[in-house]
Amino acid sequence: MKKVLSLGAGVQSSALALMCERGVFEKPDIAIFADTGDEPSSVYGWLEHLEGLLSYPVVRVSHGESLRKRSQRVVISKKTGQAYMKGLVPAYVLSPSGEKGILGRKCTYDHKIMPIRKYLKKWANVRRAEKNVIITQYMGISLDEIQRMKPSQVPWIKNTYPLVDAGISRSACKRWLIENRYPEPPRSACYYCPFHSAREWRRLKEDEPDEFLKAVEFERELQRAIKRVPRMDGTPYLYRSCKPLDEIDFDREGQNPDQIDLFGNECEGMCGL
């Protein structure tokens, strides 16, 4: 049985990786990081530092094309001749009539789940139609996020949740890191993730202004791209108020009790771990 740690490079999965290194949990054979190409620079810096702290290898995998580039790609269907967007991020959409909606989400499956699964299938020499569990995959989900626990979609991978089984919460992960003299990892998510809370957008704007400006530009690029799809007549935005990012007062937004953080309940238990 091979053991793999799904490494999102956020607080929980980083703590789990280091706990394995310290003998709190059994070490995996490898840790695996699915790179969308669009994490903030702070995440890539932390990941490089983390790799140096672990005695087992960290494998980086990717779709092959950055999520930012793919999510704006408009293609023509060979069957219908209609234009459509092949890769989607769950941006909020404001229709001409003023109604709000949300785009479909393919980012997690295409840029996280599938690159990991493709690599593991080759790494473990999984045969076609394999029905036996060959890989145990550690997932860095904590006790306070049990709603994110999901079974593997393939029979040869079994997802396990060491932090949940041990009753460890996200705040407990932070305490453990501090007690063991590790820095707190940054939150791992694409810099333009629509599931950012007002607090996270404010942090990004203040602490990583270059990343925030890239998110502003991404929003504009997405709006230009969607105009090329005749059936999509709404305007996409990266924040739920459906206003341009660079015009939003996130301090005021953060005081609204109705503006809850949706991130923890999304991304198939893969993103931001």
C-alpha atoms as a PDB file:
ATOM      1  CA  MET A   1       0.000   0.000   0.000  1.00  0.00           C
ATOM      2  CA  LYS A   2       1.479   3.329  -1.070  1.00  0.00           C
ATOM      3  CA  LYS A   3       0.880   6.473   0.980  1.00  0.00           C
ATOM      4  CA  VAL A   4       0.544   9.948  -0.498  1.00  0.00           C
ATOM      5  CA  LEU A   5      -0.048  13.300   1.156  1.00  0.00           C
ATOM      6  CA  SER A   6      -2.162  15.738  -0.856  1.00  0.00           C
ATOM      7  CA  LEU A   7      -0.304  18.983  -0.220  1.00  0.00           C
ATOM      8  CA  GLY A   8      -2.149  22.239  -0.821  1.00  0.00           C
ATOM      9  CA  ALA A   9       0.613  24.185   1.006  1.00  0.00           C
ATOM     10  CA  GLY A  10      -1.894  25.929   3.263  1.00  0.00           C
ATOM     11  CA  VAL A  11      -2.111  25.748   7.049  1.00  0.00           C
ATOM     12  CA  GLN A  12      -3.657  22.293   7.496  1.00  0.00           C
ATOM     13  CA  SER A  13      -1.808  20.289   4.860  1.00  0.00           C
ATOM     14  CA  SER A  14       1.494  21.967   5.755  1.00  0.00           C
ATOM     15  CA  ALA A  15       0.950  21.151   9.426  1.00  0.00           C
ATOM     16  CA  LEU A  16       0.042  17.586   8.485  1.00  0.00           C
ATOM     17  CA  ALA A  17       3.169  17.267   6.339  1.00  0.00           C
ATOM     18  CA  LEU A  18       5.352  18.473   9.212  1.00  0.00           C
ATOM     19  CA  MET A  19       3.528  16.308  11.745  1.00  0.00           C
ATOM     20  CA  CYS A  20       4.341  13.318   9.558  1.00  0.00           C
ATOM     21  CA  GLU A  21       7.954  14.446   9.470  1.00  0.00           C
ATOM     22  CA  ARG A  22       7.989  14.692  13.286  1.00  0.00           C
ATOM     23  CA  GLY A  23       6.438  11.241  13.733  1.00  0.00           C
ATOM     24  CA  VAL A  24       2.965  12.339  14.843  1.00  0.00           C
ATOM     25  CA  PHE A  25       1.580  10.417  11.872  1.00  0.00           C
ATOM     26  CA  GLU A  26       3.198   7.836   9.623  1.00  0.00           C
ATOM     27  CA  LYS A  27       5.286   9.355   6.873  1.00  0.00           C
ATOM     28  CA  PRO A  28       3.895   9.170   3.338  1.00  0.00           C
ATOM     29  CA  ASP A  29       6.000   7.959   0.463  1.00  0.00           C
ATOM     30  CA  ILE A  30       5.545  11.309  -1.261  1.00  0.00           C
ATOM     31  CA  ALA A  31       3.639  14.554  -0.949  1.00  0.00           C
ATOM     32  CA  ILE A  32       2.012  15.879  -4.099  1.00  0.00           C
ATOM     33  CA  PHE A  33       1.211  19.503  -4.959  1.00  0.00           C
ATOM     34  CA  ALA A  34      -1.073  20.367  -7.876  1.00  0.00           C
ATOM     35  CA  ASP A  35       0.034  23.724  -9.271  1.00  0.00           C
ATOM     36  CA  THR A  36      -2.530  25.859 -11.111  1.00  0.00           C
ATOM     37  CA  GLY A  37       0.238  28.292 -12.013  1.00  0.00           C
ATOM     38  CA  ASP A  38      -1.641  31.066 -10.235  1.00  0.00           C
ATOM     39  CA  GLU A  39      -0.880  30.835  -6.539  1.00  0.00           C
ATOM     40  CA  PRO A  40       0.386  33.997  -4.844  1.00  0.00           C
ATOM     41  CA  SER A  41       4.167  34.305  -4.682  1.00  0.00           C
ATOM     42  CA  SER A  42       3.967  33.843  -0.902  1.00  0.00           C
ATOM     43  CA  VAL A  43       2.626  30.302  -1.410  1.00  0.00           C
ATOM     44  CA  TYR A  44       5.395  29.329  -3.823  1.00  0.00           C
ATOM     45  CA  GLY A  45       7.965  30.757  -1.435  1.00  0.00           C
ATOM     46  CA  TRP A  46       6.530  28.784   1.468  1.00  0.00           C
ATOM     47  CA  LEU A  47       6.326  25.590  -0.585  1.00  0.00           C
ATOM     48  CA  GLU A  48      10.001  25.843  -1.470  1.00  0.00           C
ATOM     49  CA  HIS A  49      10.834  26.340   2.214  1.00  0.00           C
ATOM     50  CA  LEU A  50       8.606  23.429   3.228  1.00  0.00           C
ATOM     51  CA  GLU A  51      10.278  21.090   0.751  1.00  0.00           C
ATOM     52  CA  GLY A  52      13.559  21.690   2.567  1.00  0.00           C
ATOM     53  CA  LEU A  53      12.009  20.639   5.889  1.00  0.00           C
ATOM     54  CA  LEU A  54      10.719  17.277   4.679  1.00  0.00           C
ATOM     55  CA  SER A  55      12.732  14.092   4.279  1.00  0.00           C
ATOM     56  CA  TYR A  56      10.253  12.646   1.786  1.00  0.00           C
ATOM     57  CA  PRO A  57       9.897  14.086  -1.729  1.00  0.00           C
ATOM     58  CA  VAL A  58       7.361  16.698  -2.796  1.00  0.00           C
ATOM     59  CA  VAL A  59       6.141  16.155  -6.347  1.00  0.00           C
ATOM     60  CA  ARG A  60       4.658  19.093  -8.265  1.00  0.00           C
ATOM     61  CA  VAL A  61       2.145  18.345 -10.983  1.00  0.00           C
ATOM     62  CA  SER A  62       0.095  20.579 -13.260  1.00  0.00           C
ATOM     63  CA  HIS A  63      -2.466  20.593 -16.027  1.00  0.00           C
ATOM     64  CA  GLY A  64       0.170  21.862 -18.437  1.00  0.00           C
ATOM     65  CA  GLU A  65      -1.511  25.220 -19.006  1.00  0.00           C
ATOM     66  CA  SER A  66      -2.105  27.815 -16.309  1.00  0.00           C
ATOM     67  CA  LEU A  67      -5.637  28.105 -15.007  1.00  0.00           C
ATOM     68  CA  ARG A  68      -5.640  31.834 -15.749  1.00  0.00           C
ATOM     69  CA  LYS A  69      -4.915  31.226 -19.417  1.00  0.00           C
ATOM     70  CA  ARG A  70      -7.268  28.283 -19.797  1.00  0.00           C
ATOM     71  CA  SER A  71     -10.197  29.939 -18.013  1.00  0.00           C
ATOM     72  CA  GLN A  72     -10.260  32.694 -20.633  1.00  0.00           C
ATOM     73  CA  ARG A  73      -9.986  30.414 -23.624  1.00  0.00           C
ATOM     74  CA  VAL A  74     -12.997  30.552 -25.954  1.00  0.00           C
ATOM     75  CA  VAL A  75     -13.289  27.587 -28.322  1.00  0.00           C
ATOM     76  CA  ILE A  76     -15.695  26.586 -31.064  1.00  0.00           C
ATOM     77  CA  SER A  77     -17.516  23.279 -30.731  1.00  0.00           C
ATOM     78  CA  LYS A  78     -16.853  20.966 -33.675  1.00  0.00           C
ATOM     79  CA  LYS A  79     -20.323  19.455 -33.257  1.00  0.00           C
ATOM     80  CA  THR A  80     -22.474  22.556 -32.893  1.00  0.00           C
ATOM     81  CA  GLY A  81     -20.250  25.335 -34.171  1.00  0.00           C
ATOM     82  CA  GLN A  82     -21.063  27.346 -31.070  1.00  0.00           C
ATOM     83  CA  ALA A  83     -18.537  29.213 -28.966  1.00  0.00           C
ATOM     84  CA  TYR A  84     -18.025  28.174 -25.371  1.00  0.00           C
ATOM     85  CA  MET A  85     -15.476  28.540 -22.563  1.00  0.00           C
ATOM     86  CA  LYS A  86     -13.618  25.315 -21.964  1.00  0.00           C
ATOM     87  CA  GLY A  87     -12.249  26.042 -18.500  1.00  0.00           C
ATOM     88  CA  LEU A  88     -14.326  27.884 -15.929  1.00  0.00           C
ATOM     89  CA  VAL A  89     -13.726  29.489 -12.561  1.00  0.00           C
ATOM     90  CA  PRO A  90     -16.804  30.070 -10.382  1.00  0.00           C
ATOM     91  CA  ALA A  91     -17.048  33.805 -10.978  1.00  0.00           C
ATOM     92  CA  TYR A  92     -20.197  35.654 -10.002  1.00  0.00           C
ATOM     93  CA  VAL A  93     -22.277  36.889 -12.925  1.00  0.00           C
ATOM     94  CA  LEU A  94     -24.538  39.936 -13.109  1.00  0.00           C
ATOM     95  CA  SER A  95     -27.157  39.698 -15.859  1.00  0.00           C
ATOM     96  CA  PRO A  96     -28.436  42.731 -17.802  1.00  0.00           C
ATOM     97  CA  SER A  97     -31.669  42.466 -15.785  1.00  0.00           C
ATOM     98  CA  GLY A  98     -29.750  42.734 -12.526  1.00  0.00           C
ATOM     99  CA  GLU A  99     -30.002  39.076 -11.486  1.00  0.00           C
ATOM    100  CA  LYS A 100     -26.941  37.429  -9.954  1.00  0.00           C
ATOM    101  CA  GLY A 101     -25.654  33.953 -10.714  1.00  0.00           C
ATOM    102  CA  ILE A 102     -22.424  32.004 -10.726  1.00  0.00           C
ATOM    103  CA  LEU A 103     -20.449  30.288 -13.472  1.00  0.00           C
ATOM    104  CA  GLY A 104     -19.805  26.570 -13.393  1.00  0.00           C
ATOM    105  CA  ARG A 105     -16.585  25.361 -11.816  1.00  0.00           C
ATOM    106  CA  LYS A 106     -14.075  23.163 -13.614  1.00  0.00           C
ATOM    107  CA  CYS A 107     -10.907  24.539 -12.054  1.00  0.00           C
ATOM    108  CA  THR A 108     -10.562  22.090  -9.161  1.00  0.00           C
ATOM    109  CA  TYR A 109     -11.259  18.979 -11.219  1.00  0.00           C
ATOM    110  CA  ASP A 110      -9.150  19.975 -14.231  1.00  0.00           C
ATOM    111  CA  HIS A 111      -6.221  21.582 -12.432  1.00  0.00           C
ATOM    112  CA  LYS A 112      -6.098  19.761  -9.083  1.00  0.00           C
ATOM    113  CA  ILE A 113      -7.816  16.382  -9.068  1.00  0.00           C
ATOM    114  CA  MET A 114      -6.959  15.174 -12.568  1.00  0.00           C
ATOM    115  CA  PRO A 115      -3.231  16.100 -12.597  1.00  0.00           C
ATOM    116  CA  ILE A 116      -2.799  14.360  -9.236  1.00  0.00           C
ATOM    117  CA  ARG A 117      -4.740  11.295 -10.345  1.00  0.00           C
ATOM    118  CA  LYS A 118      -2.842  11.089 -13.646  1.00  0.00           C
ATOM    119  CA  TYR A 119       0.508  11.193 -11.876  1.00  0.00           C
ATOM    120  CA  LEU A 120      -0.470   8.695  -9.188  1.00  0.00           C
ATOM    121  CA  LYS A 121      -1.836   6.252 -11.732  1.00  0.00           C
ATOM    122  CA  LYS A 122       1.521   6.115 -13.476  1.00  0.00           C
ATOM    123  CA  TRP A 123       3.541   6.263 -10.245  1.00  0.00           C
ATOM    124  CA  ALA A 124       1.689   3.320  -8.677  1.00  0.00           C
ATOM    125  CA  ASN A 125       1.446   1.418 -11.971  1.00  0.00           C
ATOM    126  CA  VAL A 126      -2.333   1.216 -11.745  1.00  0.00           C
ATOM    127  CA  ARG A 127      -3.848  -1.126 -14.283  1.00  0.00           C
ATOM    128  CA  ARG A 128      -6.947  -0.316 -16.262  1.00  0.00           C
ATOM    129  CA  ALA A 129     -10.203  -0.922 -14.373  1.00  0.00           C
ATOM    130  CA  GLU A 130      -8.321  -1.504 -11.106  1.00  0.00           C
ATOM    131  CA  LYS A 131     -10.827  -2.002  -8.269  1.00  0.00           C
ATOM    132  CA  ASN A 132      -8.510  -2.607  -5.329  1.00  0.00           C
ATOM    133  CA  VAL A 133      -7.193   0.171  -3.081  1.00  0.00           C
ATOM    134  CA  ILE A 134      -3.552   0.734  -3.975  1.00  0.00           C
ATOM    135  CA  ILE A 135      -2.979   4.237  -2.610  1.00  0.00           C
ATOM    136  CA  THR A 136      -3.902   5.800   0.713  1.00  0.00           C
ATOM    137  CA  GLN A 137      -4.129   9.559   0.255  1.00  0.00           C
ATOM    138  CA  TYR A 138      -3.758  11.792   3.320  1.00  0.00           C
ATOM    139  CA  MET A 139      -6.030  14.824   3.045  1.00  0.00           C
ATOM    140  CA  GLY A 140      -5.244  17.929   5.101  1.00  0.00           C
ATOM    141  CA  ILE A 141      -8.773  18.624   6.254  1.00  0.00           C
ATOM    142  CA  SER A 142      -9.191  19.575   9.897  1.00  0.00           C
ATOM    143  CA  LEU A 143     -11.908  18.769  12.418  1.00  0.00           C
ATOM    144  CA  ASP A 144     -13.723  22.079  11.890  1.00  0.00           C
ATOM    145  CA  GLU A 145     -13.987  21.425   8.136  1.00  0.00           C
ATOM    146  CA  ILE A 146     -15.444  17.928   8.098  1.00  0.00           C
ATOM    147  CA  GLN A 147     -18.009  19.073   5.510  1.00  0.00           C
ATOM    148  CA  ARG A 148     -15.138  19.009   3.028  1.00  0.00           C
ATOM    149  CA  MET A 149     -14.479  15.302   3.521  1.00  0.00           C
ATOM    150  CA  LYS A 150     -15.261  13.413   0.341  1.00  0.00           C
ATOM    151  CA  PRO A 151     -14.483   9.887  -0.828  1.00  0.00           C
ATOM    152  CA  SER A 152     -12.143   9.317  -3.711  1.00  0.00           C
ATOM    153  CA  GLN A 153     -13.774   9.142  -7.111  1.00  0.00           C
ATOM    154  CA  VAL A 154     -11.695   6.118  -8.101  1.00  0.00           C
ATOM    155  CA  PRO A 155     -11.587   2.748  -6.311  1.00  0.00           C
ATOM    156  CA  TRP A 156      -7.786   2.519  -6.236  1.00  0.00           C
ATOM    157  CA  ILE A 157      -7.376   5.623  -4.041  1.00  0.00           C
ATOM    158  CA  LYS A 158      -8.690   5.803  -0.483  1.00  0.00           C
ATOM    159  CA  ASN A 159      -8.873   9.273   1.036  1.00  0.00           C
ATOM    160  CA  THR A 160      -8.005   9.420   4.729  1.00  0.00           C
ATOM    161  CA  TYR A 161      -8.233  12.331   7.164  1.00  0.00           C
ATOM    162  CA  PRO A 162      -5.567  12.101   9.888  1.00  0.00           C
ATOM    163  CA  LEU A 163      -6.330  15.525  11.375  1.00  0.00           C
ATOM    164  CA  VAL A 164     -10.039  14.750  11.688  1.00  0.00           C
ATOM    165  CA  ASP A 165      -9.359  11.307  13.167  1.00  0.00           C
ATOM    166  CA  ALA A 166      -7.051  12.902  15.739  1.00  0.00           C
ATOM    167  CA  GLY A 167      -9.537  15.667  16.552  1.00  0.00           C
ATOM    168  CA  ILE A 168      -7.227  18.441  15.330  1.00  0.00           C
ATOM    169  CA  SER A 169      -8.767  21.754  14.227  1.00  0.00           C
ATOM    170  CA  ARG A 170      -7.278  24.476  12.026  1.00  0.00           C
ATOM    171  CA  SER A 171      -6.497  26.611  15.078  1.00  0.00           C
ATOM    172  CA  ALA A 172      -4.810  23.589  16.687  1.00  0.00           C
ATOM    173  CA  CYS A 173      -2.680  23.230  13.549  1.00  0.00           C
ATOM    174  CA  LYS A 174      -1.573  26.833  13.965  1.00  0.00           C
ATOM    175  CA  ARG A 175      -0.731  26.277  17.628  1.00  0.00           C
ATOM    176  CA  TRP A 176       1.272  23.158  16.806  1.00  0.00           C
ATOM    177  CA  LEU A 177       3.261  25.048  14.177  1.00  0.00           C
ATOM    178  CA  ILE A 178       4.022  27.867  16.619  1.00  0.00           C
ATOM    179  CA  GLU A 179       4.965  25.460  19.403  1.00  0.00           C
ATOM    180  CA  ASN A 180       7.349  23.678  17.071  1.00  0.00           C
ATOM    181  CA  ARG A 181       8.840  26.960  15.848  1.00  0.00           C
ATOM    182  CA  TYR A 182       7.472  26.865  12.326  1.00  0.00           C
ATOM    183  CA  PRO A 183       6.097  29.997  10.640  1.00  0.00           C
ATOM    184  CA  GLU A 184       2.386  30.136   9.819  1.00  0.00           C
ATOM    185  CA  PRO A 185       1.893  29.148   6.169  1.00  0.00           C
ATOM    186  CA  PRO A 186       0.008  31.507   3.858  1.00  0.00           C
ATOM    187  CA  ARG A 187      -3.466  30.596   2.752  1.00  0.00           C
ATOM    188  CA  SER A 188      -3.234  28.559  -0.410  1.00  0.00           C
ATOM    189  CA  ALA A 189      -5.627  29.604  -3.179  1.00  0.00           C
ATOM    190  CA  CYS A 190      -5.358  31.194  -6.596  1.00  0.00           C
ATOM    191  CA  TYR A 191      -4.918  34.926  -6.200  1.00  0.00           C
ATOM    192  CA  TYR A 192      -8.162  35.515  -8.124  1.00  0.00           C
ATOM    193  CA  CYS A 193     -10.279  32.844  -6.415  1.00  0.00           C
ATOM    194  CA  PRO A 194     -13.932  34.016  -6.309  1.00  0.00           C
ATOM    195  CA  PHE A 195     -14.397  32.226  -2.988  1.00  0.00           C
ATOM    196  CA  HIS A 196     -12.144  34.707  -1.185  1.00  0.00           C
ATOM    197  CA  SER A 197     -13.879  36.407   1.713  1.00  0.00           C
ATOM    198  CA  ALA A 198     -13.762  40.197   2.118  1.00  0.00           C
ATOM    199  CA  ARG A 199     -11.092  39.632   4.747  1.00  0.00           C
ATOM    200  CA  GLU A 200      -8.908  37.626   2.363  1.00  0.00           C
ATOM    201  CA  TRP A 201      -9.323  40.164  -0.447  1.00  0.00           C
ATOM    202  CA  ARG A 202      -8.328  42.928   1.974  1.00  0.00           C
ATOM    203  CA  ARG A 203      -5.292  40.928   3.117  1.00  0.00           C
ATOM    204  CA  LEU A 204      -4.239  40.316  -0.478  1.00  0.00           C
ATOM    205  CA  LYS A 205      -4.652  44.002  -1.349  1.00  0.00           C
ATOM    206  CA  GLU A 206      -2.618  45.134   1.663  1.00  0.00           C
ATOM    207  CA  ASP A 207       0.017  42.409   1.959  1.00  0.00           C
ATOM    208  CA  GLU A 208       0.469  41.313  -1.654  1.00  0.00           C
ATOM    209  CA  PRO A 209      -0.560  44.313  -3.782  1.00  0.00           C
ATOM    210  CA  ASP A 210       1.034  42.943  -6.945  1.00  0.00           C
ATOM    211  CA  GLU A 211      -1.114  39.804  -6.679  1.00  0.00           C
ATOM    212  CA  PHE A 212      -4.208  41.930  -6.075  1.00  0.00           C
ATOM    213  CA  LEU A 213      -3.487  43.987  -9.193  1.00  0.00           C
ATOM    214  CA  LYS A 214      -3.132  40.768 -11.176  1.00  0.00           C
ATOM    215  CA  ALA A 215      -6.552  39.710  -9.892  1.00  0.00           C
ATOM    216  CA  VAL A 216      -8.004  43.056 -11.015  1.00  0.00           C
ATOM    217  CA  GLU A 217      -6.573  42.511 -14.483  1.00  0.00           C
ATOM    218  CA  PHE A 218      -7.777  38.897 -14.547  1.00  0.00           C
ATOM    219  CA  GLU A 219     -11.330  40.074 -13.814  1.00  0.00           C
ATOM    220  CA  ARG A 220     -11.169  42.467 -16.764  1.00  0.00           C
ATOM    221  CA  GLU A 221      -9.723  39.781 -19.032  1.00  0.00           C
ATOM    222  CA  LEU A 222     -12.524  37.405 -18.045  1.00  0.00           C
ATOM    223  CA  GLN A 223     -15.120  40.058 -18.827  1.00  0.00           C
ATOM    224  CA  ARG A 224     -13.633  40.603 -22.270  1.00  0.00           C
ATOM    225  CA  ALA A 225     -13.481  36.866 -22.957  1.00  0.00           C
ATOM    226  CA  ILE A 226     -17.084  36.170 -21.995  1.00  0.00           C
ATOM    227  CA  LYS A 227     -18.320  38.772 -24.492  1.00  0.00           C
ATOM    228  CA  ARG A 228     -17.088  36.424 -27.218  1.00  0.00           C
ATOM    229  CA  VAL A 229     -19.620  33.774 -26.142  1.00  0.00           C
ATOM    230  CA  PRO A 230     -23.046  34.788 -27.542  1.00  0.00           C
ATOM    231  CA  ARG A 231     -25.076  32.690 -25.103  1.00  0.00           C
ATOM    232  CA  MET A 232     -23.447  34.299 -22.060  1.00  0.00           C
ATOM    233  CA  ASP A 233     -24.825  37.811 -21.741  1.00  0.00           C
ATOM    234  CA  GLY A 234     -23.883  38.511 -18.122  1.00  0.00           C
ATOM    235  CA  THR A 235     -20.798  40.233 -16.730  1.00  0.00           C
ATOM    236  CA  PRO A 236     -18.492  38.145 -14.495  1.00  0.00           C
ATOM    237  CA  TYR A 237     -16.966  39.481 -11.282  1.00  0.00           C
ATOM    238  CA  LEU A 238     -14.622  37.940  -8.740  1.00  0.00           C
ATOM    239  CA  TYR A 239     -16.474  39.188  -5.656  1.00  0.00           C
ATOM    240  CA  ARG A 240     -20.064  38.349  -4.780  1.00  0.00           C
ATOM    241  CA  SER A 241     -21.230  41.969  -4.709  1.00  0.00           C
ATOM    242  CA  CYS A 242     -20.650  42.007  -8.496  1.00  0.00           C
ATOM    243  CA  LYS A 243     -18.609  45.184  -8.429  1.00  0.00           C
ATOM    244  CA  PRO A 244     -15.113  45.698  -9.860  1.00  0.00           C
ATOM    245  CA  LEU A 245     -12.456  44.574  -7.414  1.00  0.00           C
ATOM    246  CA  ASP A 246     -10.603  47.877  -7.470  1.00  0.00           C
ATOM    247  CA  GLU A 247     -13.773  49.768  -6.493  1.00  0.00           C
ATOM    248  CA  ILE A 248     -14.744  47.667  -3.452  1.00  0.00           C
ATOM    249  CA  ASP A 249     -14.307  48.799   0.154  1.00  0.00           C
ATOM    250  CA  PHE A 250     -13.409  45.450   1.715  1.00  0.00           C
ATOM    251  CA  ASP A 251     -13.340  46.926   5.216  1.00  0.00           C
ATOM    252  CA  ARG A 252     -17.028  47.742   4.888  1.00  0.00           C
ATOM    253  CA  GLU A 253     -17.798  44.454   3.150  1.00  0.00           C
ATOM    254  CA  GLY A 254     -16.135  42.566   5.989  1.00  0.00           C
ATOM    255  CA  GLN A 255     -18.520  44.125   8.502  1.00  0.00           C
ATOM    256  CA  ASN A 256     -21.568  42.697   6.710  1.00  0.00           C
ATOM    257  CA  PRO A 257     -22.747  39.613   8.659  1.00  0.00           C
ATOM    258  CA  ASP A 258     -24.311  38.184   5.487  1.00  0.00           C
ATOM    259  CA  GLN A 259     -20.949  38.070   3.689  1.00  0.00           C
ATOM    260  CA  ILE A 260     -19.763  34.675   4.914  1.00  0.00           C
ATOM    261  CA  ASP A 261     -16.623  32.947   3.680  1.00  0.00           C
ATOM    262  CA  LEU A 262     -17.625  30.273   1.169  1.00  0.00           C
ATOM    263  CA  PHE A 263     -14.115  28.976   0.578  1.00  0.00           C
ATOM    264  CA  GLY A 264     -14.082  26.279   3.229  1.00  0.00           C
ATOM    265  CA  ASN A 265     -17.059  24.491   1.714  1.00  0.00           C
ATOM    266  CA  GLU A 266     -15.771  24.378  -1.840  1.00  0.00           C
ATOM    267  CA  CYS A 267     -13.104  22.959  -4.161  1.00  0.00           C
ATOM    268  CA  GLU A 268     -13.773  19.249  -3.559  1.00  0.00           C
ATOM    269  CA  GLY A 269     -11.630  19.164  -0.436  1.00  0.00           C
ATOM    270  CA  MET A 270      -8.537  19.866  -2.524  1.00  0.00           C
ATOM    271  CA  CYS A 271      -7.926  23.618  -2.842  1.00  0.00           C
ATOM    272  CA  GLY A 272      -6.539  25.691  -0.021  1.00  0.00           C
ATOM    273  CA  LEU A 273      -5.736  22.800   2.293  1.00  0.00           C
END
